[in-house]
C-alpha atoms as a PDB file:
ATOM      1  CA  MET A   1     -71.892 -53.869 -38.536  1.00  0.00           C
ATOM      2  CA  ASN A   2     -70.814 -56.852 -36.444  1.00  0.00           C
ATOM      3  CA  GLU A   3     -73.462 -59.778 -35.981  1.00  0.00           C
ATOM      4  CA  ASN A   4     -72.311 -59.646 -31.946  1.00  0.00           C
ATOM      5  CA  SER A   5     -71.600 -56.123 -31.558  1.00  0.00           C
ATOM      6  CA  THR A   6     -73.257 -52.957 -31.750  1.00  0.00           C
ATOM      7  CA  ILE A   7     -70.225 -50.898 -32.632  1.00  0.00           C
ATOM      8  CA  PRO A   8     -70.235 -49.741 -36.188  1.00  0.00           C
ATOM      9  CA  ASP A   9     -67.597 -51.105 -38.931  1.00  0.00           C
ATOM     10  CA  PHE A  10     -65.067 -48.266 -39.744  1.00  0.00           C
ATOM     11  CA  THR A  11     -66.627 -46.118 -42.582  1.00  0.00           C
ATOM     12  CA  SER A  12     -64.767 -45.176 -45.826  1.00  0.00           C
ATOM     13  CA  ASN A  13     -64.275 -41.934 -44.574  1.00  0.00           C
ATOM     14  CA  GLU A  14     -62.774 -43.415 -41.206  1.00  0.00           C
ATOM     15  CA  GLN A  15     -60.257 -45.488 -43.337  1.00  0.00           C
ATOM     16  CA  HIS A  16     -59.488 -42.488 -45.500  1.00  0.00           C
ATOM     17  CA  ILE A  17     -58.443 -40.644 -42.774  1.00  0.00           C
ATOM     18  CA  VAL A  18     -56.242 -43.111 -41.622  1.00  0.00           C
ATOM     19  CA  SER A  19     -54.594 -43.706 -45.028  1.00  0.00           C
ATOM     20  CA  GLN A  20     -54.157 -40.363 -45.315  1.00  0.00           C
ATOM     21  CA  ALA A  21     -52.312 -39.830 -42.194  1.00  0.00           C
ATOM     22  CA  LEU A  22     -49.851 -42.814 -43.555  1.00  0.00           C
ATOM     23  CA  LEU A  23     -49.499 -41.341 -46.545  1.00  0.00           C
ATOM     24  CA  GLU A  24     -48.212 -38.048 -44.898  1.00  0.00           C
ATOM     25  CA  ARG A  25     -46.273 -40.120 -42.433  1.00  0.00           C
ATOM     26  CA  TYR A  26     -44.551 -42.817 -45.118  1.00  0.00           C
ATOM     27  CA  GLY A  27     -44.857 -40.753 -48.120  1.00  0.00           C
ATOM     28  CA  LYS A  28     -46.357 -43.953 -49.847  1.00  0.00           C
ATOM     29  CA  LEU A  29     -49.459 -45.814 -49.617  1.00  0.00           C
ATOM     30  CA  VAL A  30     -49.942 -48.486 -46.857  1.00  0.00           C
ATOM     31  CA  SER A  31     -52.065 -51.149 -46.549  1.00  0.00           C
ATOM     32  CA  LEU A  32     -54.740 -51.173 -44.324  1.00  0.00           C
ATOM     33  CA  GLN A  33     -56.481 -54.290 -43.131  1.00  0.00           C
ATOM     34  CA  LEU A  34     -59.571 -54.580 -41.062  1.00  0.00           C
ATOM     35  CA  ALA A  35     -60.461 -57.073 -38.721  1.00  0.00           C
ATOM     36  CA  ASP A  36     -62.307 -57.766 -35.270  1.00  0.00           C
ATOM     37  CA  SER A  37     -60.531 -57.509 -31.861  1.00  0.00           C
ATOM     38  CA  GLU A  38     -62.248 -58.668 -28.715  1.00  0.00           C
ATOM     39  CA  LEU A  39     -61.774 -56.282 -26.088  1.00  0.00           C
ATOM     40  CA  GLN A  40     -63.047 -55.792 -22.557  1.00  0.00           C
ATOM     41  CA  LEU A  41     -65.180 -52.750 -22.650  1.00  0.00           C
ATOM     42  CA  GLU A  42     -67.012 -53.786 -19.198  1.00  0.00           C
ATOM     43  CA  PRO A  43     -66.233 -54.258 -16.031  1.00  0.00           C
ATOM     44  CA  GLU A  44     -65.851 -58.253 -15.546  1.00  0.00           C
ATOM     45  CA  PRO A  45     -68.260 -60.593 -15.848  1.00  0.00           C
ATOM     46  CA  ALA A  46     -69.528 -58.478 -19.396  1.00  0.00           C
ATOM     47  CA  PRO A  47     -68.393 -60.602 -21.979  1.00  0.00           C
ATOM     48  CA  PRO A  48     -65.649 -58.911 -24.186  1.00  0.00           C
ATOM     49  CA  SER A  49     -67.256 -56.919 -27.120  1.00  0.00           C
ATOM     50  CA  ASP A  50     -66.121 -57.184 -30.804  1.00  0.00           C
ATOM     51  CA  CYS A  51     -64.464 -54.345 -31.957  1.00  0.00           C
ATOM     52  CA  PRO A  52     -63.777 -53.416 -35.727  1.00  0.00           C
ATOM     53  CA  THR A  53     -60.096 -52.665 -35.820  1.00  0.00           C
ATOM     54  CA  ILE A  54     -57.849 -51.251 -38.565  1.00  0.00           C
ATOM     55  CA  PHE A  55     -54.331 -52.949 -38.776  1.00  0.00           C
ATOM     56  CA  TRP A  56     -51.539 -52.077 -40.691  1.00  0.00           C
ATOM     57  CA  SER A  57     -47.337 -52.720 -40.687  1.00  0.00           C
ATOM     58  CA  GLU A  58     -44.672 -50.716 -41.499  1.00  0.00           C
ATOM     59  CA  ARG A  59     -40.946 -50.309 -40.520  1.00  0.00           C
ATOM     60  CA  GLY A  60     -40.917 -53.180 -38.607  1.00  0.00           C
ATOM     61  CA  ALA A  61     -43.864 -51.911 -36.296  1.00  0.00           C
ATOM     62  CA  ASP A  62     -47.608 -53.489 -36.164  1.00  0.00           C
ATOM     63  CA  PHE A  63     -50.276 -50.793 -35.428  1.00  0.00           C
ATOM     64  CA  VAL A  64     -53.620 -51.464 -34.342  1.00  0.00           C
ATOM     65  CA  ILE A  65     -56.570 -48.830 -33.832  1.00  0.00           C
ATOM     66  CA  CYS A  66     -60.086 -50.313 -32.681  1.00  0.00           C
ATOM     67  CA  LYS A  67     -63.197 -48.741 -32.628  1.00  0.00           C
ATOM     68  CA  VAL A  68     -64.799 -48.970 -29.166  1.00  0.00           C
ATOM     69  CA  GLY A  69     -67.936 -47.001 -29.915  1.00  0.00           C
ATOM     70  CA  GLU A  70     -69.125 -44.280 -32.215  1.00  0.00           C
ATOM     71  CA  ASN A  71     -66.033 -41.733 -32.691  1.00  0.00           C
ATOM     72  CA  ARG A  72     -64.548 -43.697 -29.841  1.00  0.00           C
ATOM     73  CA  TYR A  73     -60.871 -45.209 -30.428  1.00  0.00           C
ATOM     74  CA  ARG A  74     -58.239 -47.209 -29.035  1.00  0.00           C
ATOM     75  CA  CYS A  75     -54.366 -47.528 -30.513  1.00  0.00           C
ATOM     76  CA  GLN A  76     -51.185 -49.107 -30.018  1.00  0.00           C
ATOM     77  CA  PHE A  77     -48.274 -50.593 -31.902  1.00  0.00           C
ATOM     78  CA  PHE A  78     -46.245 -53.597 -31.014  1.00  0.00           C
ATOM     79  CA  TYR A  79     -42.915 -55.297 -32.497  1.00  0.00           C
ATOM     80  CA  SER A  80     -44.065 -58.450 -30.579  1.00  0.00           C
ATOM     81  CA  GLU A  81     -46.066 -59.992 -28.167  1.00  0.00           C
ATOM     82  CA  ASN A  82     -43.539 -59.370 -25.688  1.00  0.00           C
ATOM     83  CA  GLU A  83     -43.199 -55.025 -26.687  1.00  0.00           C
ATOM     84  CA  GLN A  84     -46.639 -53.494 -26.840  1.00  0.00           C
ATOM     85  CA  PHE A  85     -47.408 -50.216 -26.373  1.00  0.00           C
ATOM     86  CA  GLY A  86     -49.879 -47.460 -26.263  1.00  0.00           C
ATOM     87  CA  THR A  87     -49.889 -43.532 -26.348  1.00  0.00           C
ATOM     88  CA  GLY A  88     -50.564 -43.005 -22.701  1.00  0.00           C
ATOM     89  CA  ARG A  89     -54.065 -42.433 -23.372  1.00  0.00           C
ATOM     90  CA  ASP A  90     -56.907 -45.095 -23.368  1.00  0.00           C
ATOM     91  CA  ILE A  91     -59.864 -43.516 -25.389  1.00  0.00           C
ATOM     92  CA  TYR A  92     -59.673 -41.167 -28.524  1.00  0.00           C
ATOM     93  CA  ASN A  93     -62.458 -38.821 -29.617  1.00  0.00           C
ATOM     94  CA  ASP A  94     -61.385 -37.416 -33.094  1.00  0.00           C
ATOM     95  CA  LEU A  95     -59.914 -40.446 -35.056  1.00  0.00           C
ATOM     96  CA  ALA A  96     -57.280 -38.221 -36.788  1.00  0.00           C
ATOM     97  CA  GLU A  97     -55.948 -37.261 -33.609  1.00  0.00           C
ATOM     98  CA  CYS A  98     -55.411 -40.519 -32.490  1.00  0.00           C
ATOM     99  CA  VAL A  99     -53.674 -41.886 -35.529  1.00  0.00           C
ATOM    100  CA  THR A 100     -51.522 -38.776 -35.652  1.00  0.00           C
ATOM    101  CA  ILE A 101     -50.354 -39.362 -31.515  1.00  0.00           C
ATOM    102  CA  LEU A 102     -49.917 -43.097 -32.328  1.00  0.00           C
ATOM    103  CA  LEU A 103     -47.253 -42.334 -35.205  1.00  0.00           C
ATOM    104  CA  GLN A 104     -45.762 -39.638 -33.413  1.00  0.00           C
ATOM    105  CA  VAL A 105     -44.990 -41.938 -30.383  1.00  0.00           C
ATOM    106  CA  GLN A 106     -44.298 -44.889 -32.626  1.00  0.00           C
ATOM    107  CA  ALA A 107     -41.459 -42.501 -34.456  1.00  0.00           C
ATOM    108  CA  ASP A 108     -40.387 -41.780 -31.072  1.00  0.00           C
ATOM    109  CA  HIS A 109     -40.069 -45.073 -29.925  1.00  0.00           C
ATOM    110  CA  GLU A 110     -38.324 -45.886 -33.239  1.00  0.00           C
ATOM    111  CA  LYS A 111     -35.589 -43.194 -32.785  1.00  0.00           C
ATOM    112  CA  THR A 112     -34.973 -44.561 -28.883  1.00  0.00           C
ATOM    113  CA  ARG A 113     -34.499 -47.975 -29.955  1.00  0.00           C
ATOM    114  CA  GLN A 114     -32.066 -46.760 -32.633  1.00  0.00           C
ATOM    115  CA  GLY A 115     -29.956 -44.669 -29.644  1.00  0.00           C
ATOM    116  CA  VAL A 116     -31.359 -41.448 -30.820  1.00  0.00           C
ATOM    117  CA  PRO A 117     -32.292 -39.276 -27.822  1.00  0.00           C
ATOM    118  CA  SER A 118     -35.846 -37.814 -28.712  1.00  0.00           C
ATOM    119  CA  GLY A 119     -34.829 -34.810 -27.041  1.00  0.00           C
ATOM    120  CA  ALA A 120     -38.576 -33.828 -26.077  1.00  0.00           C
ATOM    121  CA  SER A 121     -41.064 -35.387 -24.218  1.00  0.00           C
ATOM    122  CA  ARG A 122     -43.859 -33.714 -25.509  1.00  0.00           C
ATOM    123  CA  VAL A 123     -46.242 -34.234 -28.655  1.00  0.00           C
ATOM    124  CA  GLU A 124     -47.538 -31.103 -30.852  1.00  0.00           C
ATOM    125  CA  LEU A 125     -50.612 -31.622 -32.324  1.00  0.00           C
ATOM    126  CA  ASP A 126     -51.843 -28.965 -34.522  1.00  0.00           C
ATOM    127  CA  GLY A 127     -49.503 -26.246 -32.829  1.00  0.00           C
ATOM    128  CA  LYS A 128     -50.639 -27.172 -29.513  1.00  0.00           C
ATOM    129  CA  VAL A 129     -48.361 -28.981 -27.233  1.00  0.00           C
ATOM    130  CA  ASP A 130     -50.130 -32.092 -25.350  1.00  0.00           C
ATOM    131  CA  ASP A 131     -48.292 -32.046 -21.725  1.00  0.00           C
ATOM    132  CA  ASP A 132     -49.827 -35.347 -21.095  1.00  0.00           C
ATOM    133  CA  TYR A 133     -47.479 -37.382 -23.414  1.00  0.00           C
ATOM    134  CA  HIS A 134     -45.031 -38.887 -21.564  1.00  0.00           C
ATOM    135  CA  GLY A 135     -43.349 -41.351 -24.037  1.00  0.00           C
ATOM    136  CA  PRO A 136     -44.919 -44.750 -25.262  1.00  0.00           C
ATOM    137  CA  LEU A 137     -46.473 -46.623 -22.317  1.00  0.00           C
ATOM    138  CA  VAL A 138     -45.445 -50.380 -22.041  1.00  0.00           C
ATOM    139  CA  ILE A 139     -48.807 -52.563 -22.394  1.00  0.00           C
END
């Protein structure tokens, strides 16, 4: 646990969940890096919180999943400082859902960048359609 934070670090099980999703998406092992991110979790003037973060890069994009509490996650992907994207959802209570939707949104965005229309504006997760998905959210 970070000394300046009450948010527990990613467990080995949580790291495995992310690694497994990446293996399924890319068909290979992807190197994960553990880091800390400063996020404003409380309204100002409260100081930013140190949040455990999992970071990886793949296919020209960088990804982060930040743990903002027990079983609470935020995520985004980016190509540069000016090209940062979210999923349209602030907090996930399920890490597998968080990483799956993050990867789906980035894959959709990757197709759009290549000029291939996605043809769908909804994300399917475990056989259910998530009508809250409206494409990548520019941050």
